[in-house]
Amino acid sequence: MKKIILLCAGGMSTGVLVNNMKKAATEKGVEVTIDAHPIDAAATVGSDADCVLLGPQVSYRQGEVTSAVSCPVAAIDMRSYGMMDGKKTLDQALALIGG
């Protein structure tokens, strides 16, 4: 099972997106765990993640997060984030993981 972590300013704004991603994963038959956290918890929550996605509002901290974790890190596509598009965001995460 793959672990996907979403990070934003407080871990709240990505909550709806996490639920939409979980729904998309179920529809695709993909086994993943997806959680949202505040970016300040990156090193702790990202330590065993398969990928970390950043909310657009914290994308400027990508270098810092990349240094703190040992998995791929990317900013969530702004359009996908704005539309809370769980399918596209899940596809972005799976592409990062290589699956």
C-alpha atoms as a PDB file:
ATOM      1  CA  MET A   1       0.000   0.000   0.000  1.00  0.00           C
ATOM      2  CA  LYS A   2       1.296   3.429  -0.977  1.00  0.00           C
ATOM      3  CA  LYS A   3       1.255   6.386   1.387  1.00  0.00           C
ATOM      4  CA  ILE A   4       0.485   9.857   0.011  1.00  0.00           C
ATOM      5  CA  ILE A   5       0.815  12.938   2.195  1.00  0.00           C
ATOM      6  CA  LEU A   6      -0.668  16.336   1.350  1.00  0.00           C
ATOM      7  CA  LEU A   7       0.750  19.382   3.093  1.00  0.00           C
ATOM      8  CA  CYS A   8      -0.778  22.833   3.359  1.00  0.00           C
ATOM      9  CA  ALA A   9      -0.545  25.806   5.677  1.00  0.00           C
ATOM     10  CA  GLY A  10      -2.603  24.217   8.441  1.00  0.00           C
ATOM     11  CA  GLY A  11      -3.585  20.780   7.157  1.00  0.00           C
ATOM     12  CA  MET A  12      -7.219  21.857   6.848  1.00  0.00           C
ATOM     13  CA  SER A  13      -7.687  23.190   3.325  1.00  0.00           C
ATOM     14  CA  THR A  14      -6.582  19.921   1.760  1.00  0.00           C
ATOM     15  CA  GLY A  15      -9.152  17.865   3.702  1.00  0.00           C
ATOM     16  CA  VAL A  16     -11.792  17.972   0.969  1.00  0.00           C
ATOM     17  CA  LEU A  17      -9.170  17.098  -1.628  1.00  0.00           C
ATOM     18  CA  VAL A  18      -8.011  14.113   0.447  1.00  0.00           C
ATOM     19  CA  ASN A  19     -11.578  12.779   0.556  1.00  0.00           C
ATOM     20  CA  ASN A  20     -11.945  13.251  -3.204  1.00  0.00           C
ATOM     21  CA  MET A  21      -8.634  11.467  -3.782  1.00  0.00           C
ATOM     22  CA  LYS A  22      -9.721   8.551  -1.591  1.00  0.00           C
ATOM     23  CA  LYS A  23     -12.930   8.259  -3.589  1.00  0.00           C
ATOM     24  CA  ALA A  24     -10.942   8.291  -6.854  1.00  0.00           C
ATOM     25  CA  ALA A  25      -8.572   5.630  -5.500  1.00  0.00           C
ATOM     26  CA  THR A  26     -11.509   3.391  -4.590  1.00  0.00           C
ATOM     27  CA  GLU A  27     -12.987   3.833  -8.066  1.00  0.00           C
ATOM     28  CA  LYS A  28      -9.614   2.945  -9.645  1.00  0.00           C
ATOM     29  CA  GLY A  29      -9.056   0.004  -7.310  1.00  0.00           C
ATOM     30  CA  VAL A  30      -5.792   1.527  -6.048  1.00  0.00           C
ATOM     31  CA  GLU A  31      -4.774   0.808  -2.463  1.00  0.00           C
ATOM     32  CA  VAL A  32      -3.344   3.966  -0.911  1.00  0.00           C
ATOM     33  CA  THR A  33      -3.461   5.860   2.331  1.00  0.00           C
ATOM     34  CA  ILE A  34      -3.882   9.599   1.932  1.00  0.00           C
ATOM     35  CA  ASP A  35      -3.667  12.147   4.723  1.00  0.00           C
ATOM     36  CA  ALA A  36      -3.362  15.917   5.058  1.00  0.00           C
ATOM     37  CA  HIS A  37      -1.110  17.680   7.549  1.00  0.00           C
ATOM     38  CA  PRO A  38       0.327  21.130   8.199  1.00  0.00           C
ATOM     39  CA  ILE A  39       3.577  21.745   6.350  1.00  0.00           C
ATOM     40  CA  ASP A  40       5.472  22.210   9.600  1.00  0.00           C
ATOM     41  CA  ALA A  41       4.986  18.480  10.251  1.00  0.00           C
ATOM     42  CA  ALA A  42       6.652  17.495   6.950  1.00  0.00           C
ATOM     43  CA  ALA A  43       9.686  15.723   8.405  1.00  0.00           C
ATOM     44  CA  THR A  44       7.586  13.671  10.817  1.00  0.00           C
ATOM     45  CA  VAL A  45       4.619  12.713   8.639  1.00  0.00           C
ATOM     46  CA  GLY A  46       6.641  12.396   5.450  1.00  0.00           C
ATOM     47  CA  SER A  47       9.314  10.111   6.878  1.00  0.00           C
ATOM     48  CA  ASP A  48       7.673   6.950   5.511  1.00  0.00           C
ATOM     49  CA  ALA A  49       5.606   8.466   2.689  1.00  0.00           C
ATOM     50  CA  ASP A  50       5.836   7.356  -0.927  1.00  0.00           C
ATOM     51  CA  CYS A  51       5.208  10.928  -2.085  1.00  0.00           C
ATOM     52  CA  VAL A  52       4.382  14.330  -0.677  1.00  0.00           C
ATOM     53  CA  LEU A  53       2.160  16.859  -2.431  1.00  0.00           C
ATOM     54  CA  LEU A  54       2.129  20.516  -1.447  1.00  0.00           C
ATOM     55  CA  GLY A  55      -0.848  22.836  -1.588  1.00  0.00           C
ATOM     56  CA  PRO A  56      -0.184  25.717  -3.998  1.00  0.00           C
ATOM     57  CA  GLN A  57      -0.130  28.205  -1.108  1.00  0.00           C
ATOM     58  CA  VAL A  58       2.962  26.506   0.383  1.00  0.00           C
ATOM     59  CA  SER A  59       4.678  25.439  -2.852  1.00  0.00           C
ATOM     60  CA  TYR A  60       7.415  27.995  -2.201  1.00  0.00           C
ATOM     61  CA  ARG A  61       8.632  25.641   0.574  1.00  0.00           C
ATOM     62  CA  GLN A  62       9.189  22.702  -1.792  1.00  0.00           C
ATOM     63  CA  GLY A  63      12.979  22.775  -1.399  1.00  0.00           C
ATOM     64  CA  GLU A  64      12.697  22.687   2.383  1.00  0.00           C
ATOM     65  CA  VAL A  65      10.274  19.734   2.292  1.00  0.00           C
ATOM     66  CA  THR A  66      12.376  17.880  -0.285  1.00  0.00           C
ATOM     67  CA  SER A  67      15.349  18.120   2.091  1.00  0.00           C
ATOM     68  CA  ALA A  68      13.264  16.825   5.006  1.00  0.00           C
ATOM     69  CA  VAL A  69      11.869  13.674   3.358  1.00  0.00           C
ATOM     70  CA  SER A  70      13.240  10.845   1.238  1.00  0.00           C
ATOM     71  CA  CYS A  71      10.456  10.612  -1.337  1.00  0.00           C
ATOM     72  CA  PRO A  72       9.315  12.663  -4.337  1.00  0.00           C
ATOM     73  CA  VAL A  73       7.797  16.066  -3.529  1.00  0.00           C
ATOM     74  CA  ALA A  74       5.709  18.197  -5.890  1.00  0.00           C
ATOM     75  CA  ALA A  75       3.252  21.065  -5.770  1.00  0.00           C
ATOM     76  CA  ILE A  76      -0.333  20.113  -6.525  1.00  0.00           C
ATOM     77  CA  ASP A  77      -1.445  21.407  -9.896  1.00  0.00           C
ATOM     78  CA  MET A  78      -3.174  24.712  -9.143  1.00  0.00           C
ATOM     79  CA  ARG A  79      -6.201  23.980 -11.324  1.00  0.00           C
ATOM     80  CA  SER A  80      -6.668  20.521  -9.808  1.00  0.00           C
ATOM     81  CA  TYR A  81      -6.377  22.039  -6.342  1.00  0.00           C
ATOM     82  CA  GLY A  82      -8.827  24.843  -7.072  1.00  0.00           C
ATOM     83  CA  MET A  83     -11.362  22.374  -8.473  1.00  0.00           C
ATOM     84  CA  MET A  84     -10.659  19.883  -5.641  1.00  0.00           C
ATOM     85  CA  ASP A  85     -10.141  17.320  -8.421  1.00  0.00           C
ATOM     86  CA  GLY A  86      -9.293  14.140  -6.546  1.00  0.00           C
ATOM     87  CA  LYS A  87      -8.789  12.056  -9.679  1.00  0.00           C
ATOM     88  CA  LYS A  88      -6.229  14.374 -11.262  1.00  0.00           C
ATOM     89  CA  THR A  89      -4.417  14.907  -7.978  1.00  0.00           C
ATOM     90  CA  LEU A  90      -4.317  11.152  -7.358  1.00  0.00           C
ATOM     91  CA  ASP A  91      -2.960  10.632 -10.866  1.00  0.00           C
ATOM     92  CA  GLN A  92      -0.275  13.252 -10.163  1.00  0.00           C
ATOM     93  CA  ALA A  93       0.727  11.431  -6.960  1.00  0.00           C
ATOM     94  CA  LEU A  94       0.775   8.013  -8.629  1.00  0.00           C
ATOM     95  CA  ALA A  95       2.933   9.384 -11.455  1.00  0.00           C
ATOM     96  CA  LEU A  96       5.412  10.670  -8.848  1.00  0.00           C
ATOM     97  CA  ILE A  97       5.491   7.278  -7.168  1.00  0.00           C
ATOM     98  CA  GLY A  98       5.874   5.551 -10.511  1.00  0.00           C
ATOM     99  CA  GLY A  99       2.710   3.502 -10.354  1.00  0.00           C
END
